[in-house]
Protein backbone atom coordinates (compact mmCIF):
# COMPACT_ATOMS: atom_id res chain seq x y z
CA MET A 1 72.14 143.08 127.95
CA THR A 2 73.62 146.53 128.43
CA GLU A 3 72.56 149.26 125.82
CA THR A 4 75.14 150.46 123.61
CA ARG A 5 76.56 153.75 125.05
CA GLY A 6 79.18 154.46 122.62
CA ARG A 7 82.36 153.31 120.93
CA ALA A 8 85.89 153.05 122.30
CA LEU A 9 89.08 153.05 120.09
CA LEU A 10 91.93 151.39 122.07
CA ILE A 11 95.31 151.80 120.74
CA SER A 12 98.08 149.95 122.72
CA ASN A 13 101.70 149.63 121.70
CA GLU A 14 104.00 147.16 123.32
CA TYR A 15 107.27 146.93 121.44
CA LYS A 16 111.05 146.11 121.90
CA LEU A 17 113.11 149.10 122.91
CA PRO A 18 116.74 149.51 121.48
CA ASN A 19 118.16 148.29 124.90
CA GLY A 20 116.28 145.00 124.44
CA SER A 21 113.49 145.52 126.93
CA TYR A 22 109.88 145.69 126.48
CA ARG A 23 107.24 148.41 127.47
CA LYS A 24 105.60 146.54 130.21
CA GLY A 25 102.00 146.59 131.31
CA SER A 26 100.36 147.47 128.11
CA GLU A 27 98.68 144.23 127.57
CA HIS A 28 97.37 144.32 131.07
CA ASP A 29 96.00 147.89 130.51
CA TYR A 30 94.48 147.04 127.19
CA ARG A 31 92.75 143.88 128.58
CA ASN A 32 91.25 145.53 131.56
CA MET A 33 90.09 148.67 129.75
CA ARG A 34 88.56 146.48 127.05
CA ASP A 35 86.68 144.47 129.55
CA LEU A 36 85.44 147.38 131.53
CA LEU A 37 84.28 149.17 128.52
CA VAL A 38 82.46 146.25 127.15
CA LYS A 39 80.74 145.93 130.53
CA LEU A 40 79.74 149.52 130.39
CA GLY A 41 78.05 148.94 127.09
CA PHE A 42 80.69 150.25 124.61
CA VAL A 43 81.75 148.73 121.20
CA VAL A 44 85.49 148.35 121.45
CA VAL A 45 87.54 148.53 118.43
CA GLY A 46 91.28 148.76 117.88
CA GLY A 47 93.72 146.44 119.50
CA HIS A 48 96.91 145.52 121.35
CA GLN A 49 99.21 145.72 118.53
CA ASN A 50 102.14 147.91 117.34
CA TYR A 51 100.93 151.08 115.60
CA THR A 52 103.32 153.56 113.92
CA ALA A 53 102.50 157.18 114.34
CA LYS A 54 100.86 157.41 111.00
CA GLU A 55 98.78 154.25 111.87
CA MET A 56 97.71 155.79 114.94
CA VAL A 57 96.55 159.01 113.23
CA GLU A 58 94.74 156.97 110.49
CA ALA A 59 93.01 154.78 112.95
CA ILE A 60 91.63 157.81 114.88
CA HIS A 61 90.71 159.44 111.67
CA ARG A 62 89.07 156.47 110.31
CA GLU A 63 87.02 155.89 113.47
CA THR A 64 85.81 159.38 113.77
CA GLN A 65 84.73 159.48 110.17
CA LEU A 66 83.05 155.95 110.21
CA VAL A 67 79.64 155.58 108.41
CA ASP A 68 76.99 152.87 108.40
CA GLU A 69 75.52 151.44 105.12
CA THR A 70 73.21 154.55 104.70
CA GLY A 71 76.13 156.89 104.89
CA GLU A 72 75.15 158.19 108.24
CA SER A 73 77.84 158.53 111.03
CA VAL A 74 77.91 155.42 113.27
CA TYR A 75 77.97 158.11 116.08
CA LYS A 76 74.77 159.82 115.28
CA ASN A 77 72.76 157.82 117.88
CA LEU A 78 75.63 157.12 120.36
CA GLY A 79 76.41 159.17 123.33
CA VAL A 80 80.22 158.81 124.15
CA PHE A 81 83.52 158.27 122.49
CA VAL A 82 86.57 157.02 124.37
CA LEU A 83 89.94 156.96 122.86
CA MET A 84 92.72 155.24 125.03
CA ILE A 85 96.30 155.16 123.82
CA THR A 86 99.01 153.32 125.74
CA SER A 87 102.47 153.77 124.35
CA HIS A 88 105.84 155.59 124.87
CA GLY A 89 105.94 159.26 124.45
CA THR A 90 107.52 162.54 125.62
CA GLU A 91 105.87 165.55 127.13
CA GLY A 92 102.76 166.37 125.01
CA CYS A 93 103.26 163.62 122.56
CA VAL A 94 102.75 159.86 122.17
CA ALA A 95 105.12 157.66 120.04
CA GLY A 96 104.42 155.11 117.35
CA VAL A 97 106.46 152.04 117.29
CA ASP A 98 108.42 153.70 114.53
CA GLY A 99 109.63 156.25 117.20
CA LYS A 100 107.80 159.15 115.42
CA LEU A 101 105.76 161.42 117.60
CA VAL A 102 102.06 162.45 117.42
CA LYS A 103 101.23 165.71 119.32
CA LEU A 104 98.37 165.48 121.89
CA SER A 105 97.11 168.64 120.70
CA ASP A 106 96.74 167.04 117.13
CA ILE A 107 94.76 164.17 118.56
CA SER A 108 92.58 166.63 120.45
CA LYS A 109 91.91 168.42 117.10
CA MET A 110 91.01 165.24 115.36
CA VAL A 111 88.22 164.67 117.89
CA SER A 112 87.02 168.26 118.13
CA ALA A 113 83.46 169.46 117.11
CA ARG A 114 85.02 170.58 113.67
CA ASN A 115 86.53 167.29 112.80
CA PHE A 116 84.20 164.93 114.54
CA PRO A 117 80.71 166.76 114.04
CA ALA A 118 78.73 163.61 114.80
CA MET A 119 79.75 163.89 118.35
CA LEU A 120 79.04 167.59 118.69
CA GLY A 121 78.11 168.34 122.11
CA LYS A 122 78.56 164.81 123.34
CA PRO A 123 81.21 163.66 125.69
CA LYS A 124 84.75 162.41 124.39
CA LEU A 125 87.10 160.93 126.61
CA LEU A 126 90.94 160.54 125.86
CA VAL A 127 92.90 158.40 128.17
CA ILE A 128 96.57 158.82 127.34
CA GLN A 129 99.38 156.62 128.93
CA ALA A 130 102.58 157.81 127.37
CA CYS A 131 105.47 156.78 129.45
CA ALA A 132 108.75 158.36 128.41
CA GLY A 133 110.73 155.95 130.61
CA SER A 134 114.63 156.29 130.33
CA SER A 135 115.03 155.27 126.74
CA ARG A 136 114.39 158.61 125.13
CA GLU A 137 117.04 157.80 122.40
CA MET A 138 114.22 155.69 120.65
CA LEU A 139 112.07 158.64 120.17
CA LEU A 140 112.50 160.73 117.19
CA ASP A 141 111.37 164.46 117.14
CA THR A 142 109.80 164.08 113.62
CA THR A 143 106.26 164.73 113.27
CA ASP A 144 106.67 165.92 109.58
CA SER A 145 105.77 162.48 108.11
CA VAL A 146 102.81 162.02 110.23
CA PRO A 147 99.68 163.34 108.35
CA SER A 148 98.59 166.60 109.56
CA ILE A 149 95.01 167.23 110.75
CA SER A 150 94.34 169.55 107.72
CA GLU A 151 95.43 166.73 105.48
CA LEU A 152 92.82 164.39 107.04
CA SER A 153 89.82 166.79 107.73
CA ALA A 154 87.88 169.23 105.65
CA ALA A 155 87.55 172.63 107.16
CA ALA A 156 84.28 173.59 108.57
CA PRO A 157 82.92 176.19 110.90
CA GLU A 158 83.55 175.52 114.58
CA PRO A 159 80.05 175.44 116.20
CA LEU A 160 81.45 175.17 119.76
CA PRO A 161 84.88 175.86 121.35
CA PRO A 162 87.04 173.02 120.23
CA THR A 163 87.34 171.27 123.48
CA SER A 164 84.01 172.10 125.17
CA ASP A 165 82.85 168.52 125.35
CA LEU A 166 86.32 166.81 125.63
CA GLU A 167 88.14 165.36 128.68
CA VAL A 168 91.74 164.36 128.49
CA THR A 169 93.36 162.21 131.09
CA SER A 170 97.12 161.85 130.62
CA SER A 171 100.04 160.55 132.52
CA ALA A 172 103.33 161.31 131.08
CA PRO A 173 106.08 161.13 133.82
CA ARG A 174 109.48 162.48 132.69
CA GLU A 175 111.50 159.48 133.88
CA GLY A 176 108.45 157.02 134.66
CA ASP A 177 107.98 153.63 133.69
CA LEU A 178 105.09 151.15 133.28
CA TYR A 179 104.89 148.19 135.56
CA GLN A 180 103.74 144.57 135.03
CA THR A 181 100.39 145.41 136.50
CA GLY A 182 99.80 148.36 134.20
CA SER A 183 99.82 152.16 134.58
CA ASP A 184 98.43 154.13 137.56
CA VAL A 185 96.29 156.24 135.21
CA ILE A 186 94.73 153.31 133.58
CA GLN A 187 94.28 151.50 136.93
CA LEU A 188 92.15 154.26 138.13
CA PHE A 189 89.40 153.19 135.62
CA TYR A 190 89.23 149.42 136.59
CA MET A 191 90.08 149.35 140.27
CA LYS A 192 87.81 146.96 142.07
């Protein structure tokens, strides 16, 4: 059996667009990333479901603040955190199924050393597949109703630069689309 290396939160949105089409490939991406991460020794949480922008923020916050029965962070003895989000989006943002946007910079802040101290100095990998597609009318430019980082996190001194242990891999083509087989950025991780 593989030793537990870390935890991975997978957020995968596949939902109907106003024109009646579905965001294709997200189930394939989710399944392949889940299987790969399990083989690599990760505990995988989250799922292939439809998250609103607020639910995405809450899921990330909940995972980064998760404690065990003793009150210690579950990440205390783990080495890596992975966050994968597949959804629609615009440049620099991912969209919830409600069409509201979450800024990638806010997501990065949520997993920074300040807001995720149990992972201080440990690698954190964010894999974002936010395809804008040609249906931008479904995306609302309203991040006001999504909880801000300050609402979710207590301020603390920043012991390291906020992104010193953070790697972000993102694919957000301006007029791209996901395909039945999944997205190119996700396929890089599970190609055989």
